[in-house]
Structures are given as structure tokens and as C-alpha cells.
Amino acid sequence: FLFPKLENKAKGKLQKQICRVVLDHFEKQYTEELGNAWSSVRDVLTSPLCWQHSVLLNRFSPSAELEKSLCVQGYHPAFPAGLPYLPAALKCYIRRTPGRFPAQKHQAGKLKEYFLLNAASLLPVLALEVKDGENVLDLCAAPGGKSVAILQCACPGRFHCNEYDDLRARWLEETIESFIPEPLINLIMVSKLDGRHIGDLRPELYDKVLVDTPCSNDRSWLFSSDIHQATLRLIQRKELPYLQFQLLRSAIKALRPGGCLVYSTCTLSKAENSDVINLILNSCSNVTPVDISEMGRAVSQEFTFLDGLQQHELLVLPERGRAWGPMYVAKLKKI
């Protein structure tokens, strides 16, 4: 079932093993969906030693020393000035070589200076284009990286972060405490509601909604240590698109007319990406797609995108030297 363990040269420890059941499943599905692109994507997803991390700076805890240190280590700003939406306060650094910047531990009462994340995770936030004073909902917010990134971009009038899962909700609260200072934290409401019902509970309240939905997480699933859990996940995978559709429908109800939402996943799966968006567009007459191709063009130096998608969607494909993604992003507007 399992490949030999991969050696982690950095720490001299053994890496997790690749789960054969999941790899075989992906091999079949993604060869069909991605064609020739799959072999280079598979090469990255199965080689953690070539994975990369970006460093998102915390504007509420600025450090000139940190920026200097990043530059010395070969990091450069991730996003070009030519992006349609790039707030000056959003600073994210990346470099072409793999390896991980050291993470900062949570210390009560002390703000962290940076957040480590997959640089592609910032694309949904940039696509959302949050402005100061807007009411924003992050529907499936844990572990909180995108919530923190939204607050690097703008100061919402109200910011509602929701996470249904208890354990993940605690993780979300800790992330917000680690990055957001006292006066601003009072504008943030953290709830543990079922995201499928928020639209009915809070109709037409929000200017912007982020739906970073639960999905089959291709990167982590490939390293499932438990064969039974992996098999169960692959069976349950078929049910995810319906949950994603329900969450999206709820998000549309929560949006005020004229408001926008961004839907994102960290899977390559067409069933959880384009198919869900197409189903929403075909069944909800009050939403229309929003062109995000200009954003895609502006960041094409740093990210590799799947060809052949429509103008309202992007899919980041990991490749060596640009090992970001998978990340699917789609944008819709409520009429």
C-alpha cells in the first residue's frame, strides 16, 4: 500500500509515507481531468522536500529587521504592483527555493510578526477585494489564515468569522488572538454555526463573503497514515460537492444585492470546483460570474494556472520552483 519513506534531509527525520490508495485514485481522476499537466503536479505533491512556504507579514506587528532578514535570505514580494487589487499593507514574501521559514509559537498577549502559508491561499483574498468599512463574512474560516490576510488588506465595518467544527473553531480563535490587536479584535465575531444555515439566519447582511469550503485536500490526503481513514475519505469525497453547493447557496442568501463572493478550495477536483460553480450558476438566477482573468495574468510570473477554464475561475497547479496550490478560485456577484 505504501511507498518507501521519503528522507527529510532538513531534519534527518523520516517523512510520512505516501498513501497508495489515494495516489491510485488521484492518478485515475487527474490523468483524465488534467491530461499532461498531471505528471508534473503529481511530482510536486508527492515530494514534500520541494514544497514552499510564503511569509505573510502582520501589519499590526511590523518588524524592519524581519523584512531585512527575508531579503538577505533571497525572499522577494509575492505579488506585483500591477495587480487590480493590492493594498499597500498586504506584504507577502516568497522565494523560488523550497524550505520553511521557522514558525512562531503562540504567546498569550503577544502578536506574531508573520504567518506561514501557501502563497496561492492569498488569491481568494485578493479576488474578494475587501474595502474599509464593508461587512464581511468568512463562512468556513478555520484555521484563520485567510481571515488574517483579509485584515491585512482592509478594516471591515463588521467581520464575521464562522467555523462549524469545535476543534477548528478554537484554532481559529487562537489565530485571530495571535495576529489582531485589541481595538480591531472587537469588530470580529467568531461563531460556530452550520454554514448551510447562515444565509437564512443572516440574510442580505454582507458586502463580501468568502467561501473557502471544506474539500478533499489533495496535499494532505496523499499522506494519510491510516489506510482505512483514507478509503473512507475517498468514499465520502463523492458527497462533498453537495455540501459545497449548500454552503454556496447559503452564502448567496447572506450577500446583499450588489455584493460579491469568492469560492475557493485546495483541491484539483473538477467535481468540487467548476462543477459546483456551474451548478450554482444554473440554479440561482440572482448571481452572475465576475471576470478574474486580469488577476491571473498579473500573477502569472509566480503561479501556474490550468488552461481552458472560464474567465471567472482560476486553478493554481503546483510545479517545481512554483510549488503553490492546488488552489481553485471563482468569483460571483449577486444581482
Foldseek 3Di string as FASTA:
>chain_A
DWDPWDQDPVVRDTDFIFDPVLVVVCCVQCCVVQPPLVVQLVVLLRDLQLDAKKKWFFLVDEDPVVVVVCVVVAWDFQFDPPFPADAPLTTMITHLGHDDDDDDDQDQPEADGIDIDFVVVCVQLRVQRDEEAFEEEALAQPLPPSVSNNVSRYQYVAYEYEHQDPVRLVNNVSNCSRRPDDVSVVRYHYYNDLLLCQLVVAFQAGQEYEDADDAPQSSVLRSPNDNVVSVVCVVCRVVRLVSSLSNVVSVLRNHHAQHKYKYKYQDPDCSNAVVSVVVCVVPPVFKDWDFPVSNVVSSVVQFDWRPDDDRQKTATRAGRSNGGTRMIMGMMGGD
